[in-house]
Amino acid sequence: MNKLNRTITSVFVMALAGTVLFSSANAQFIQDPGRYLKRQDTNSRKSNSDIRPMPTRTISASAAAISEVRPFDFNDSYYSSHGIIPSMINKRYTGSDKGSVTEGVGEKDFSNVRIKETFPLANAKGFLLYYAQLGTVHEGSFVDVPSQKAAGEMAEDFPMYAFPSSSLNSEERQARIGDFGNEYWDLNPLGISILIDVTFTDQAFTKAGGNYLETVLGPNGVAEDGTFRIRTLEEVNDLFLGGYLQKTPRLDEQGRQIYVINRVMRDPQGGAVANDAFLTMIQGRDSKPLSSEMNFQNEFDCLRSTGTWCS
């Protein structure tokens, strides 16, 4: 728990710094957006041919033993046995809301709530994934379970990066990125992640910064707020080290670190995307999905109708 305690201790300082940086940069963007981004039309760039399905992956025996590939919520017993207090899970689907349905399932660890609402996600290398968010928790939602790694520590091993928008049109400006490889599915039974907000710093809004980002991120296309889309975790880390990005743990209204519990589809083929599933995409100013992320929608439509990738 020492690692978790260090994170919690530093959260407030990081959040304050991130707020100042984001506010200042956002103000510069509003006053003179051309300083930062030469192309601001979110639907003027070509479709994102860089977003592709994951290559075929080897699935462990434990993962292969789970026959239900559609995203069901876990039951309360499963959450409790893995260090989460079920009653403290926020934004949990009920089966009677528009994002989920009630359906019987044969797996002992799942509830009868199947999630229809699906979100796009890029992995560390930029390959597309899909996930259902089962809920959010904070550090007060955890309990110690003997012989198991603490849920909060597990979450720090598999961070999820979100990208707050500088516009008033959307909360986030592009699809999230997850540091998820095979270990995510093999070692993280809850699918829990610490949620990190990624924002541009003042350095990104200088003339030199804008020129550099045009070179590095220009091919990725444009995000919802007119800034460049970030495609890979390598880009996040390189730009962070270069001083162009700020990474800040996301806090709730009480100043507590937010953790997200997700069912990320290891392989969305073969019926993982149900016929009634729908994809919630970031939309541009024209209320349409971003052209730079349209391949998320195209592949999802193929998965839903045929059970396989388009290509």
C-alpha atoms as a PDB file:
ATOM      1  CA  MET A   1       0.000   0.000   0.000  1.00  0.00           C
ATOM      2  CA  ASN A   2       3.037   2.336   0.232  1.00  0.00           C
ATOM      3  CA  LYS A   3       2.875   3.040  -3.480  1.00  0.00           C
ATOM      4  CA  LEU A   4      -0.808   3.852  -3.233  1.00  0.00           C
ATOM      5  CA  ASN A   5      -0.229   6.118  -0.226  1.00  0.00           C
ATOM      6  CA  ARG A   6       2.446   8.022  -2.124  1.00  0.00           C
ATOM      7  CA  THR A   7       0.045   8.491  -5.009  1.00  0.00           C
ATOM      8  CA  ILE A   8      -2.719   9.761  -2.759  1.00  0.00           C
ATOM      9  CA  THR A   9      -0.324  12.122  -0.968  1.00  0.00           C
ATOM     10  CA  SER A  10       0.834  13.660  -4.241  1.00  0.00           C
ATOM     11  CA  VAL A  11      -2.575  13.822  -5.862  1.00  0.00           C
ATOM     12  CA  PHE A  12      -3.558  17.224  -4.480  1.00  0.00           C
ATOM     13  CA  VAL A  13      -0.296  18.906  -5.499  1.00  0.00           C
ATOM     14  CA  MET A  14      -0.468  17.365  -8.973  1.00  0.00           C
ATOM     15  CA  ALA A  15      -4.111  18.282  -9.396  1.00  0.00           C
ATOM     16  CA  LEU A  16      -3.462  21.921  -8.446  1.00  0.00           C
ATOM     17  CA  ALA A  17      -0.511  22.145 -10.823  1.00  0.00           C
ATOM     18  CA  GLY A  18      -2.488  20.484 -13.603  1.00  0.00           C
ATOM     19  CA  THR A  19      -5.397  22.881 -13.110  1.00  0.00           C
ATOM     20  CA  VAL A  20      -3.153  25.938 -13.352  1.00  0.00           C
ATOM     21  CA  LEU A  21      -1.370  24.630 -16.421  1.00  0.00           C
ATOM     22  CA  PHE A  22      -4.535  23.552 -18.173  1.00  0.00           C
ATOM     23  CA  SER A  23      -6.347  26.809 -17.431  1.00  0.00           C
ATOM     24  CA  SER A  24      -3.473  28.934 -18.672  1.00  0.00           C
ATOM     25  CA  ALA A  25      -2.998  26.876 -21.816  1.00  0.00           C
ATOM     26  CA  ASN A  26      -6.719  26.816 -22.482  1.00  0.00           C
ATOM     27  CA  ALA A  27      -6.873  30.600 -22.178  1.00  0.00           C
ATOM     28  CA  GLN A  28      -4.091  30.943 -24.733  1.00  0.00           C
ATOM     29  CA  PHE A  29      -5.899  28.579 -27.076  1.00  0.00           C
ATOM     30  CA  ILE A  30      -9.097  30.636 -26.898  1.00  0.00           C
ATOM     31  CA  GLN A  31      -7.267  33.935 -27.429  1.00  0.00           C
ATOM     32  CA  ASP A  32      -5.075  32.770 -30.297  1.00  0.00           C
ATOM     33  CA  PRO A  33      -5.671  29.152 -31.343  1.00  0.00           C
ATOM     34  CA  GLY A  34      -3.450  29.602 -34.387  1.00  0.00           C
ATOM     35  CA  ARG A  35      -0.439  29.802 -32.090  1.00  0.00           C
ATOM     36  CA  TYR A  36      -0.889  26.172 -31.312  1.00  0.00           C
ATOM     37  CA  LEU A  37      -2.800  24.429 -34.068  1.00  0.00           C
ATOM     38  CA  LYS A  38      -2.715  25.297 -37.739  1.00  0.00           C
ATOM     39  CA  ARG A  39      -5.581  22.949 -38.641  1.00  0.00           C
ATOM     40  CA  GLN A  40      -8.649  23.202 -36.436  1.00  0.00           C
ATOM     41  CA  ASP A  41     -11.410  21.585 -38.509  1.00  0.00           C
ATOM     42  CA  THR A  42     -12.098  18.332 -36.642  1.00  0.00           C
ATOM     43  CA  ASN A  43     -13.515  16.702 -39.765  1.00  0.00           C
ATOM     44  CA  SER A  44     -11.118  18.034 -42.399  1.00  0.00           C
ATOM     45  CA  ARG A  45      -8.349  15.484 -41.917  1.00  0.00           C
ATOM     46  CA  LYS A  46      -8.317  12.112 -43.602  1.00  0.00           C
ATOM     47  CA  SER A  47      -9.832   9.081 -41.885  1.00  0.00           C
ATOM     48  CA  ASN A  48      -7.460   7.472 -39.439  1.00  0.00           C
ATOM     49  CA  SER A  49      -5.846   4.618 -41.317  1.00  0.00           C
ATOM     50  CA  ASP A  50      -3.431   4.332 -38.384  1.00  0.00           C
ATOM     51  CA  ILE A  51      -6.142   2.884 -36.098  1.00  0.00           C
ATOM     52  CA  ARG A  52      -6.157  -0.845 -36.728  1.00  0.00           C
ATOM     53  CA  PRO A  53      -7.406  -3.992 -34.973  1.00  0.00           C
ATOM     54  CA  MET A  54      -5.035  -5.807 -32.661  1.00  0.00           C
ATOM     55  CA  PRO A  55      -2.983  -8.618 -34.212  1.00  0.00           C
ATOM     56  CA  THR A  56      -3.995 -12.163 -33.257  1.00  0.00           C
ATOM     57  CA  ARG A  57      -3.029 -12.796 -29.640  1.00  0.00           C
ATOM     58  CA  THR A  58      -2.381 -15.901 -27.604  1.00  0.00           C
ATOM     59  CA  ILE A  59      -4.967 -16.253 -24.838  1.00  0.00           C
ATOM     60  CA  SER A  60      -4.051 -17.934 -21.556  1.00  0.00           C
ATOM     61  CA  ALA A  61      -5.841 -21.058 -20.372  1.00  0.00           C
ATOM     62  CA  SER A  62      -7.539 -19.139 -17.541  1.00  0.00           C
ATOM     63  CA  ALA A  63      -8.912 -16.545 -19.938  1.00  0.00           C
ATOM     64  CA  ALA A  64      -9.970 -19.158 -22.456  1.00  0.00           C
ATOM     65  CA  ALA A  65     -11.955 -20.921 -19.726  1.00  0.00           C
ATOM     66  CA  ILE A  66     -14.374 -17.971 -19.578  1.00  0.00           C
ATOM     67  CA  SER A  67     -16.999 -18.838 -22.173  1.00  0.00           C
ATOM     68  CA  GLU A  68     -18.992 -15.591 -21.896  1.00  0.00           C
ATOM     69  CA  VAL A  69     -17.157 -12.979 -23.939  1.00  0.00           C
ATOM     70  CA  ARG A  70     -19.886 -10.313 -23.856  1.00  0.00           C
ATOM     71  CA  PRO A  71     -19.420  -7.637 -21.148  1.00  0.00           C
ATOM     72  CA  PHE A  72     -21.434  -8.590 -18.059  1.00  0.00           C
ATOM     73  CA  ASP A  73     -20.994  -6.840 -14.729  1.00  0.00           C
ATOM     74  CA  PHE A  74     -19.388  -8.823 -11.920  1.00  0.00           C
ATOM     75  CA  ASN A  75     -21.580  -9.905  -9.030  1.00  0.00           C
ATOM     76  CA  ASP A  76     -21.174  -8.518  -5.511  1.00  0.00           C
ATOM     77  CA  SER A  77     -19.415 -11.644  -4.218  1.00  0.00           C
ATOM     78  CA  TYR A  78     -16.755 -11.320  -6.896  1.00  0.00           C
ATOM     79  CA  TYR A  79     -16.125  -7.659  -6.086  1.00  0.00           C
ATOM     80  CA  SER A  80     -15.883  -8.412  -2.363  1.00  0.00           C
ATOM     81  CA  SER A  81     -13.468 -11.291  -2.898  1.00  0.00           C
ATOM     82  CA  HIS A  82     -11.185  -8.974  -4.886  1.00  0.00           C
ATOM     83  CA  GLY A  83     -11.090  -6.094  -2.412  1.00  0.00           C
ATOM     84  CA  ILE A  84     -13.937  -3.831  -3.568  1.00  0.00           C
ATOM     85  CA  ILE A  85     -16.941  -2.830  -1.444  1.00  0.00           C
ATOM     86  CA  PRO A  86     -19.825  -3.334  -3.920  1.00  0.00           C
ATOM     87  CA  SER A  87     -22.051  -0.646  -2.409  1.00  0.00           C
ATOM     88  CA  MET A  88     -19.343   1.952  -3.048  1.00  0.00           C
ATOM     89  CA  ILE A  89     -19.151   1.413  -6.805  1.00  0.00           C
ATOM     90  CA  ASN A  90     -20.403   4.521  -8.609  1.00  0.00           C
ATOM     91  CA  LYS A  91     -21.988   4.681 -12.078  1.00  0.00           C
ATOM     92  CA  ARG A  92     -22.835   0.992 -12.000  1.00  0.00           C
ATOM     93  CA  TYR A  93     -25.342  -0.237 -14.586  1.00  0.00           C
ATOM     94  CA  THR A  94     -28.616  -1.665 -13.316  1.00  0.00           C
ATOM     95  CA  GLY A  95     -30.050  -3.602 -16.252  1.00  0.00           C
ATOM     96  CA  SER A  96     -32.976  -1.175 -16.506  1.00  0.00           C
ATOM     97  CA  ASP A  97     -31.053   1.824 -17.865  1.00  0.00           C
ATOM     98  CA  LYS A  98     -30.433   2.558 -21.525  1.00  0.00           C
ATOM     99  CA  GLY A  99     -26.866   1.257 -21.361  1.00  0.00           C
ATOM    100  CA  SER A 100     -27.601  -2.257 -20.147  1.00  0.00           C
ATOM    101  CA  VAL A 101     -30.094  -5.112 -20.078  1.00  0.00           C
ATOM    102  CA  THR A 102     -30.965  -7.930 -17.696  1.00  0.00           C
ATOM    103  CA  GLU A 103     -30.015 -11.329 -19.036  1.00  0.00           C
ATOM    104  CA  GLY A 104     -29.169 -14.708 -17.567  1.00  0.00           C
ATOM    105  CA  VAL A 105     -25.547 -15.804 -17.719  1.00  0.00           C
ATOM    106  CA  GLY A 106     -23.897 -19.107 -16.882  1.00  0.00           C
ATOM    107  CA  GLU A 107     -20.649 -17.729 -15.452  1.00  0.00           C
ATOM    108  CA  LYS A 108     -20.546 -17.799 -11.653  1.00  0.00           C
ATOM    109  CA  ASP A 109     -18.603 -14.533 -11.327  1.00  0.00           C
ATOM    110  CA  PHE A 110     -21.029 -12.384 -13.313  1.00  0.00           C
ATOM    111  CA  SER A 111     -24.305 -10.728 -12.410  1.00  0.00           C
ATOM    112  CA  ASN A 112     -27.297 -10.793 -14.761  1.00  0.00           C
ATOM    113  CA  VAL A 113     -26.554  -7.260 -16.022  1.00  0.00           C
ATOM    114  CA  ARG A 114     -25.112  -7.179 -19.536  1.00  0.00           C
ATOM    115  CA  ILE A 115     -23.596  -3.880 -20.677  1.00  0.00           C
ATOM    116  CA  LYS A 116     -24.642  -2.593 -24.091  1.00  0.00           C
ATOM    117  CA  GLU A 117     -22.853   0.757 -23.976  1.00  0.00           C
ATOM    118  CA  THR A 118     -19.355   0.356 -25.376  1.00  0.00           C
ATOM    119  CA  PHE A 119     -16.457   2.802 -25.600  1.00  0.00           C
ATOM    120  CA  PRO A 120     -13.469   2.981 -27.966  1.00  0.00           C
ATOM    121  CA  LEU A 121      -9.986   2.533 -26.569  1.00  0.00           C
ATOM    122  CA  ALA A 122      -6.470   2.500 -27.997  1.00  0.00           C
ATOM    123  CA  ASN A 123      -3.842   0.268 -26.462  1.00  0.00           C
ATOM    124  CA  ALA A 124      -0.280   1.423 -25.813  1.00  0.00           C
ATOM    125  CA  LYS A 125       0.706   0.904 -29.459  1.00  0.00           C
ATOM    126  CA  GLY A 126      -2.410   2.554 -30.869  1.00  0.00           C
ATOM    127  CA  PHE A 127      -4.328  -0.593 -31.827  1.00  0.00           C
ATOM    128  CA  LEU A 128      -8.060  -0.325 -31.278  1.00  0.00           C
ATOM    129  CA  LEU A 129      -9.893  -2.019 -28.433  1.00  0.00           C
ATOM    130  CA  TYR A 130     -13.399  -1.740 -26.993  1.00  0.00           C
ATOM    131  CA  TYR A 131     -14.537  -1.709 -23.383  1.00  0.00           C
ATOM    132  CA  ALA A 132     -17.531  -1.425 -21.102  1.00  0.00           C
ATOM    133  CA  GLN A 133     -17.065   0.655 -17.972  1.00  0.00           C
ATOM    134  CA  LEU A 134     -18.552  -1.207 -15.020  1.00  0.00           C
ATOM    135  CA  GLY A 135     -18.173   1.649 -12.570  1.00  0.00           C
ATOM    136  CA  THR A 136     -15.816   3.928 -10.682  1.00  0.00           C
ATOM    137  CA  VAL A 137     -14.420   3.738  -7.147  1.00  0.00           C
ATOM    138  CA  HIS A 138     -12.093   5.715  -4.883  1.00  0.00           C
ATOM    139  CA  GLU A 139      -9.506   4.683  -2.291  1.00  0.00           C
ATOM    140  CA  GLY A 140     -12.192   4.423   0.393  1.00  0.00           C
ATOM    141  CA  SER A 141     -13.842   1.648  -1.616  1.00  0.00           C
ATOM    142  CA  PHE A 142     -10.985  -0.806  -1.050  1.00  0.00           C
ATOM    143  CA  VAL A 143     -10.592  -3.526   1.569  1.00  0.00           C
ATOM    144  CA  ASP A 144      -7.599  -5.782   2.083  1.00  0.00           C
ATOM    145  CA  VAL A 145      -7.937  -9.358   0.930  1.00  0.00           C
ATOM    146  CA  PRO A 146      -5.371 -11.853   2.266  1.00  0.00           C
ATOM    147  CA  SER A 147      -2.945 -13.305  -0.304  1.00  0.00           C
ATOM    148  CA  GLN A 148      -4.081 -10.845  -2.993  1.00  0.00           C
ATOM    149  CA  LYS A 149      -2.493  -7.697  -4.333  1.00  0.00           C
ATOM    150  CA  ALA A 150      -4.425  -4.649  -3.155  1.00  0.00           C
ATOM    151  CA  ALA A 151      -6.915  -3.356  -5.718  1.00  0.00           C
ATOM    152  CA  GLY A 152      -5.449   0.156  -5.622  1.00  0.00           C
ATOM    153  CA  GLU A 153      -1.941  -1.120  -6.265  1.00  0.00           C
ATOM    154  CA  MET A 154      -3.206  -3.307  -9.085  1.00  0.00           C
ATOM    155  CA  ALA A 155      -4.874  -0.268 -10.649  1.00  0.00           C
ATOM    156  CA  GLU A 156      -1.584   1.627 -10.699  1.00  0.00           C
ATOM    157  CA  ASP A 157       0.011  -1.157 -12.739  1.00  0.00           C
ATOM    158  CA  PHE A 158      -2.531  -0.652 -15.523  1.00  0.00           C
ATOM    159  CA  PRO A 159      -3.279   3.077 -15.897  1.00  0.00           C
ATOM    160  CA  MET A 160      -5.908   4.438 -18.256  1.00  0.00           C
ATOM    161  CA  TYR A 161      -5.231   7.842 -19.830  1.00  0.00           C
ATOM    162  CA  ALA A 162      -8.087  10.274 -20.530  1.00  0.00           C
ATOM    163  CA  PHE A 163      -7.888  13.542 -22.458  1.00  0.00           C
ATOM    164  CA  PRO A 164     -10.050  16.379 -21.086  1.00  0.00           C
ATOM    165  CA  SER A 165     -11.395  18.747 -23.719  1.00  0.00           C
ATOM    166  CA  SER A 166     -10.669  22.466 -23.700  1.00  0.00           C
ATOM    167  CA  SER A 167     -14.045  23.159 -25.355  1.00  0.00           C
ATOM    168  CA  LEU A 168     -17.502  23.303 -23.841  1.00  0.00           C
ATOM    169  CA  ASN A 169     -18.834  20.727 -26.296  1.00  0.00           C
ATOM    170  CA  SER A 170     -17.450  17.580 -24.695  1.00  0.00           C
ATOM    171  CA  GLU A 171     -15.831  16.388 -21.475  1.00  0.00           C
ATOM    172  CA  GLU A 172     -13.083  14.526 -23.360  1.00  0.00           C
ATOM    173  CA  ARG A 173     -11.507  15.323 -26.694  1.00  0.00           C
ATOM    174  CA  GLN A 174     -10.506  11.883 -27.988  1.00  0.00           C
ATOM    175  CA  ALA A 175     -10.603   8.162 -27.217  1.00  0.00           C
ATOM    176  CA  ARG A 176      -8.752   7.014 -24.128  1.00  0.00           C
ATOM    177  CA  ILE A 177      -5.489   5.064 -24.154  1.00  0.00           C
ATOM    178  CA  GLY A 178      -4.866   2.057 -21.910  1.00  0.00           C
ATOM    179  CA  ASP A 179      -1.514   0.569 -20.934  1.00  0.00           C
ATOM    180  CA  PHE A 180      -2.927  -2.892 -21.565  1.00  0.00           C
ATOM    181  CA  GLY A 181      -1.040  -5.937 -22.785  1.00  0.00           C
ATOM    182  CA  ASN A 182      -1.571  -9.619 -22.070  1.00  0.00           C
ATOM    183  CA  GLU A 183      -0.762  -9.035 -18.390  1.00  0.00           C
ATOM    184  CA  TYR A 184      -3.831  -6.829 -18.056  1.00  0.00           C
ATOM    185  CA  TRP A 185      -6.132  -9.781 -18.690  1.00  0.00           C
ATOM    186  CA  ASP A 186      -3.972 -12.403 -16.988  1.00  0.00           C
ATOM    187  CA  LEU A 187      -3.086 -10.521 -13.786  1.00  0.00           C
ATOM    188  CA  ASN A 188      -5.886  -7.977 -13.296  1.00  0.00           C
ATOM    189  CA  PRO A 189      -9.079  -9.935 -12.522  1.00  0.00           C
ATOM    190  CA  LEU A 190     -11.111  -6.783 -11.841  1.00  0.00           C
ATOM    191  CA  GLY A 191      -9.915  -4.863 -14.888  1.00  0.00           C
ATOM    192  CA  ILE A 192      -9.261  -1.917 -12.573  1.00  0.00           C
ATOM    193  CA  SER A 193      -7.172   1.096 -13.599  1.00  0.00           C
ATOM    194  CA  ILE A 194      -6.085   4.385 -12.118  1.00  0.00           C
ATOM    195  CA  LEU A 195      -7.493   7.220 -14.272  1.00  0.00           C
ATOM    196  CA  ILE A 196      -4.948   9.798 -15.425  1.00  0.00           C
ATOM    197  CA  ASP A 197      -5.901  13.044 -17.173  1.00  0.00           C
ATOM    198  CA  VAL A 198      -3.528  14.198 -19.922  1.00  0.00           C
ATOM    199  CA  THR A 199      -3.513  17.914 -20.813  1.00  0.00           C
ATOM    200  CA  PHE A 200      -1.222  20.211 -22.767  1.00  0.00           C
ATOM    201  CA  THR A 201       1.135  22.530 -20.880  1.00  0.00           C
ATOM    202  CA  ASP A 202       2.019  26.149 -21.650  1.00  0.00           C
ATOM    203  CA  GLN A 203       5.070  24.947 -23.605  1.00  0.00           C
ATOM    204  CA  ALA A 204       2.765  23.330 -26.164  1.00  0.00           C
ATOM    205  CA  PHE A 205       1.265  26.751 -26.928  1.00  0.00           C
ATOM    206  CA  THR A 206       4.530  28.451 -27.877  1.00  0.00           C
ATOM    207  CA  LYS A 207       5.491  28.863 -31.523  1.00  0.00           C
ATOM    208  CA  ALA A 208       8.243  26.262 -31.214  1.00  0.00           C
ATOM    209  CA  GLY A 209       5.939  23.911 -29.337  1.00  0.00           C
ATOM    210  CA  GLY A 210       3.208  24.226 -31.928  1.00  0.00           C
ATOM    211  CA  ASN A 211       5.638  23.498 -34.753  1.00  0.00           C
ATOM    212  CA  TYR A 212       7.019  20.473 -32.934  1.00  0.00           C
ATOM    213  CA  LEU A 213       3.564  19.056 -32.191  1.00  0.00           C
ATOM    214  CA  GLU A 214       2.534  19.599 -35.814  1.00  0.00           C
ATOM    215  CA  THR A 215       5.448  17.398 -36.839  1.00  0.00           C
ATOM    216  CA  VAL A 216       4.953  14.716 -34.203  1.00  0.00           C
ATOM    217  CA  LEU A 217       1.159  14.562 -33.917  1.00  0.00           C
ATOM    218  CA  GLY A 218      -0.054  16.079 -37.184  1.00  0.00           C
ATOM    219  CA  PRO A 219      -0.437  12.723 -38.970  1.00  0.00           C
ATOM    220  CA  ASN A 220      -2.789  11.537 -36.194  1.00  0.00           C
ATOM    221  CA  GLY A 221      -5.538  13.978 -37.134  1.00  0.00           C
ATOM    222  CA  VAL A 222      -7.469  16.405 -34.974  1.00  0.00           C
ATOM    223  CA  ALA A 223      -9.309  15.863 -31.698  1.00  0.00           C
ATOM    224  CA  GLU A 224     -12.704  17.281 -30.675  1.00  0.00           C
ATOM    225  CA  ASP A 225     -11.362  20.609 -29.398  1.00  0.00           C
ATOM    226  CA  GLY A 226      -9.131  21.275 -32.415  1.00  0.00           C
ATOM    227  CA  THR A 227      -5.919  20.085 -30.778  1.00  0.00           C
ATOM    228  CA  PHE A 228      -3.931  17.174 -32.187  1.00  0.00           C
ATOM    229  CA  ARG A 229      -5.016  13.627 -31.397  1.00  0.00           C
ATOM    230  CA  ILE A 230      -2.552  11.504 -29.426  1.00  0.00           C
ATOM    231  CA  ARG A 231      -2.398   7.945 -30.724  1.00  0.00           C
ATOM    232  CA  THR A 232       0.029   5.923 -28.594  1.00  0.00           C
ATOM    233  CA  LEU A 233       1.367   5.691 -25.064  1.00  0.00           C
ATOM    234  CA  GLU A 234       4.835   6.343 -26.436  1.00  0.00           C
ATOM    235  CA  GLU A 235       3.631   9.723 -27.665  1.00  0.00           C
ATOM    236  CA  VAL A 236       2.139  10.469 -24.247  1.00  0.00           C
ATOM    237  CA  ASN A 237       5.361   9.601 -22.439  1.00  0.00           C
ATOM    238  CA  ASP A 238       7.684  11.354 -24.896  1.00  0.00           C
ATOM    239  CA  LEU A 239       5.645  14.564 -24.856  1.00  0.00           C
ATOM    240  CA  PHE A 240       5.402  14.409 -21.060  1.00  0.00           C
ATOM    241  CA  LEU A 241       9.172  14.094 -20.737  1.00  0.00           C
ATOM    242  CA  GLY A 242       9.573  16.944 -23.213  1.00  0.00           C
ATOM    243  CA  GLY A 243       7.359  19.207 -21.122  1.00  0.00           C
ATOM    244  CA  TYR A 244       4.456  19.379 -23.581  1.00  0.00           C
ATOM    245  CA  LEU A 245       1.983  17.332 -21.533  1.00  0.00           C
ATOM    246  CA  GLN A 246       0.839  17.218 -17.917  1.00  0.00           C
ATOM    247  CA  LYS A 247      -0.343  13.925 -16.381  1.00  0.00           C
ATOM    248  CA  THR A 248      -2.676  14.397 -13.416  1.00  0.00           C
ATOM    249  CA  PRO A 249      -4.633  11.744 -11.483  1.00  0.00           C
ATOM    250  CA  ARG A 250      -8.345  12.477 -11.831  1.00  0.00           C
ATOM    251  CA  LEU A 251     -10.157  13.348  -8.593  1.00  0.00           C
ATOM    252  CA  ASP A 252     -13.811  13.233  -7.634  1.00  0.00           C
ATOM    253  CA  GLU A 253     -15.688  16.169  -6.081  1.00  0.00           C
ATOM    254  CA  GLN A 254     -14.324  15.254  -2.645  1.00  0.00           C
ATOM    255  CA  GLY A 255     -10.731  15.295  -3.889  1.00  0.00           C
ATOM    256  CA  ARG A 256     -10.368  11.501  -3.933  1.00  0.00           C
ATOM    257  CA  GLN A 257      -8.477   9.600  -6.609  1.00  0.00           C
ATOM    258  CA  ILE A 258     -10.785   7.967  -9.173  1.00  0.00           C
ATOM    259  CA  TYR A 259     -10.297   4.378 -10.302  1.00  0.00           C
ATOM    260  CA  VAL A 260     -12.240   2.818 -13.175  1.00  0.00           C
ATOM    261  CA  ILE A 261     -13.384  -0.801 -13.446  1.00  0.00           C
ATOM    262  CA  ASN A 262     -13.637  -1.925 -17.061  1.00  0.00           C
ATOM    263  CA  ARG A 263     -14.413  -5.016 -19.086  1.00  0.00           C
ATOM    264  CA  VAL A 264     -11.965  -4.569 -21.953  1.00  0.00           C
ATOM    265  CA  MET A 265     -12.647  -7.025 -24.749  1.00  0.00           C
ATOM    266  CA  ARG A 266      -9.523  -9.078 -25.247  1.00  0.00           C
ATOM    267  CA  ASP A 267     -10.827 -10.193 -28.628  1.00  0.00           C
ATOM    268  CA  PRO A 268     -14.070  -8.499 -29.682  1.00  0.00           C
ATOM    269  CA  GLN A 269     -14.683 -11.052 -32.419  1.00  0.00           C
ATOM    270  CA  GLY A 270     -16.915 -14.086 -32.168  1.00  0.00           C
ATOM    271  CA  GLY A 271     -19.951 -12.436 -30.580  1.00  0.00           C
ATOM    272  CA  ALA A 272     -18.298 -10.277 -27.930  1.00  0.00           C
ATOM    273  CA  VAL A 273     -20.072  -7.292 -29.511  1.00  0.00           C
ATOM    274  CA  ALA A 274     -23.771  -8.160 -29.203  1.00  0.00           C
ATOM    275  CA  ASN A 275     -26.374  -7.137 -31.783  1.00  0.00           C
ATOM    276  CA  ASP A 276     -27.858  -4.548 -29.405  1.00  0.00           C
ATOM    277  CA  ALA A 277     -24.509  -3.079 -28.329  1.00  0.00           C
ATOM    278  CA  PHE A 278     -23.789   0.542 -29.243  1.00  0.00           C
ATOM    279  CA  LEU A 279     -20.622   2.599 -29.358  1.00  0.00           C
ATOM    280  CA  THR A 280     -20.377   5.925 -27.527  1.00  0.00           C
ATOM    281  CA  MET A 281     -17.941   8.062 -29.492  1.00  0.00           C
ATOM    282  CA  ILE A 282     -16.427  11.496 -28.971  1.00  0.00           C
ATOM    283  CA  GLN A 283     -18.239  13.861 -31.327  1.00  0.00           C
ATOM    284  CA  GLY A 284     -17.010  16.978 -33.080  1.00  0.00           C
ATOM    285  CA  ARG A 285     -18.694  20.348 -33.316  1.00  0.00           C
ATOM    286  CA  ASP A 286     -20.967  18.950 -36.041  1.00  0.00           C
ATOM    287  CA  SER A 287     -22.288  16.291 -33.609  1.00  0.00           C
ATOM    288  CA  LYS A 288     -20.663  13.545 -35.697  1.00  0.00           C
ATOM    289  CA  PRO A 289     -17.854  11.165 -34.676  1.00  0.00           C
ATOM    290  CA  LEU A 290     -14.383  12.548 -35.323  1.00  0.00           C
ATOM    291  CA  SER A 291     -13.067  11.691 -38.782  1.00  0.00           C
ATOM    292  CA  SER A 292      -9.723  10.951 -37.125  1.00  0.00           C
ATOM    293  CA  GLU A 293     -11.375   8.174 -35.077  1.00  0.00           C
ATOM    294  CA  MET A 294     -14.021   6.938 -37.506  1.00  0.00           C
ATOM    295  CA  ASN A 295     -12.350   3.562 -37.895  1.00  0.00           C
ATOM    296  CA  PHE A 296     -13.426   2.753 -34.325  1.00  0.00           C
ATOM    297  CA  GLN A 297     -17.036   3.010 -35.493  1.00  0.00           C
ATOM    298  CA  ASN A 298     -16.453   1.215 -38.795  1.00  0.00           C
ATOM    299  CA  GLU A 299     -14.839  -1.799 -37.154  1.00  0.00           C
ATOM    300  CA  PHE A 300     -17.465  -1.863 -34.406  1.00  0.00           C
ATOM    301  CA  ASP A 301     -20.231  -2.022 -37.001  1.00  0.00           C
ATOM    302  CA  CYS A 302     -18.512  -4.990 -38.666  1.00  0.00           C
ATOM    303  CA  LEU A 303     -18.046  -6.763 -35.334  1.00  0.00           C
ATOM    304  CA  ARG A 304     -21.684  -6.234 -34.414  1.00  0.00           C
ATOM    305  CA  SER A 305     -23.066  -7.452 -37.738  1.00  0.00           C
ATOM    306  CA  THR A 306     -20.576 -10.190 -38.706  1.00  0.00           C
ATOM    307  CA  GLY A 307     -18.637 -11.036 -35.547  1.00  0.00           C
ATOM    308  CA  THR A 308     -15.320 -10.290 -37.284  1.00  0.00           C
ATOM    309  CA  TRP A 309     -13.158  -7.315 -38.163  1.00  0.00           C
ATOM    310  CA  CYS A 310     -13.886  -5.505 -41.421  1.00  0.00           C
ATOM    311  CA  SER A 311     -10.520  -6.374 -42.903  1.00  0.00           C
END
